[in-house]
Amino acid sequence: MTTLKTLLVAGLLLAPGMAAAQGCNYEKTTTAQSCAPGNVLDAETGTCVPEATG
């Protein structure tokens, strides 16, 4: 019975953290500002790609 209570309490303590971690990727988008220097945002794929030179 003590083990069951311990697991229940542990689950209740971890639940808010797990819910917050799940929301971290909610509507995550890449912007031109988040691209590394020398990269630009590709509007079609939404990813950073090397800047074309020449």
C-alpha atoms as a PDB file:
ATOM      1  CA  MET A   1       0.000   0.000   0.000  1.00  0.00           C
ATOM      2  CA  THR A   2       2.863   2.377   0.794  1.00  0.00           C
ATOM      3  CA  THR A   3       4.415   1.735  -2.613  1.00  0.00           C
ATOM      4  CA  LEU A   4       1.124   2.537  -4.313  1.00  0.00           C
ATOM      5  CA  LYS A   5       0.827   5.806  -2.418  1.00  0.00           C
ATOM      6  CA  THR A   6       4.412   6.712  -3.273  1.00  0.00           C
ATOM      7  CA  LEU A   7       3.831   6.081  -6.979  1.00  0.00           C
ATOM      8  CA  LEU A   8       0.580   8.037  -6.891  1.00  0.00           C
ATOM      9  CA  VAL A   9       2.223  11.041  -5.233  1.00  0.00           C
ATOM     10  CA  ALA A  10       5.164  10.887  -7.653  1.00  0.00           C
ATOM     11  CA  GLY A  11       2.762  10.831 -10.590  1.00  0.00           C
ATOM     12  CA  LEU A  12       0.857  13.813  -9.257  1.00  0.00           C
ATOM     13  CA  LEU A  13       4.067  15.768  -8.721  1.00  0.00           C
ATOM     14  CA  LEU A  14       5.363  15.036 -12.227  1.00  0.00           C
ATOM     15  CA  ALA A  15       2.092  15.637 -14.085  1.00  0.00           C
ATOM     16  CA  PRO A  16       2.315  19.472 -14.303  1.00  0.00           C
ATOM     17  CA  GLY A  17       5.900  19.318 -15.557  1.00  0.00           C
ATOM     18  CA  MET A  18       5.010  16.773 -18.207  1.00  0.00           C
ATOM     19  CA  ALA A  19       2.067  18.892 -19.339  1.00  0.00           C
ATOM     20  CA  ALA A  20       4.284  21.975 -19.600  1.00  0.00           C
ATOM     21  CA  ALA A  21       6.926  20.085 -21.561  1.00  0.00           C
ATOM     22  CA  GLN A  22       4.286  18.851 -23.981  1.00  0.00           C
ATOM     23  CA  GLY A  23       3.292  22.428 -24.734  1.00  0.00           C
ATOM     24  CA  CYS A  24       6.813  23.584 -25.588  1.00  0.00           C
ATOM     25  CA  ASN A  25       6.415  22.716 -29.254  1.00  0.00           C
ATOM     26  CA  TYR A  26       2.978  24.258 -29.629  1.00  0.00           C
ATOM     27  CA  GLU A  27       2.992  26.323 -32.823  1.00  0.00           C
ATOM     28  CA  LYS A  28       6.767  26.350 -32.956  1.00  0.00           C
ATOM     29  CA  THR A  29       7.786  28.262 -36.047  1.00  0.00           C
ATOM     30  CA  THR A  30      11.124  29.245 -37.524  1.00  0.00           C
ATOM     31  CA  THR A  31      11.674  32.910 -38.264  1.00  0.00           C
ATOM     32  CA  ALA A  32      14.385  34.629 -40.257  1.00  0.00           C
ATOM     33  CA  GLN A  33      15.743  35.956 -36.977  1.00  0.00           C
ATOM     34  CA  SER A  34      16.325  32.427 -35.681  1.00  0.00           C
ATOM     35  CA  CYS A  35      18.510  31.437 -38.658  1.00  0.00           C
ATOM     36  CA  ALA A  36      22.265  31.320 -38.106  1.00  0.00           C
ATOM     37  CA  PRO A  37      24.443  33.894 -39.855  1.00  0.00           C
ATOM     38  CA  GLY A  38      24.860  32.990 -43.525  1.00  0.00           C
ATOM     39  CA  ASN A  39      21.457  31.289 -43.660  1.00  0.00           C
ATOM     40  CA  VAL A  40      18.086  32.558 -44.813  1.00  0.00           C
ATOM     41  CA  LEU A  41      14.565  31.372 -44.212  1.00  0.00           C
ATOM     42  CA  ASP A  42      13.049  29.200 -46.937  1.00  0.00           C
ATOM     43  CA  ALA A  43       9.381  30.236 -46.943  1.00  0.00           C
ATOM     44  CA  GLU A  44       8.206  26.999 -48.581  1.00  0.00           C
ATOM     45  CA  THR A  45       9.742  24.613 -46.073  1.00  0.00           C
ATOM     46  CA  GLY A  46       9.917  26.927 -43.070  1.00  0.00           C
ATOM     47  CA  THR A  47      13.561  25.987 -42.462  1.00  0.00           C
ATOM     48  CA  CYS A  48      16.870  27.805 -42.593  1.00  0.00           C
ATOM     49  CA  VAL A  49      18.971  27.158 -45.690  1.00  0.00           C
ATOM     50  CA  PRO A  50      22.424  28.411 -46.712  1.00  0.00           C
ATOM     51  CA  GLU A  51      22.268  31.797 -48.423  1.00  0.00           C
ATOM     52  CA  ALA A  52      22.915  31.613 -52.156  1.00  0.00           C
ATOM     53  CA  THR A  53      25.900  33.675 -53.202  1.00  0.00           C
ATOM     54  CA  GLY A  54      26.980  34.798 -56.600  1.00  0.00           C
END
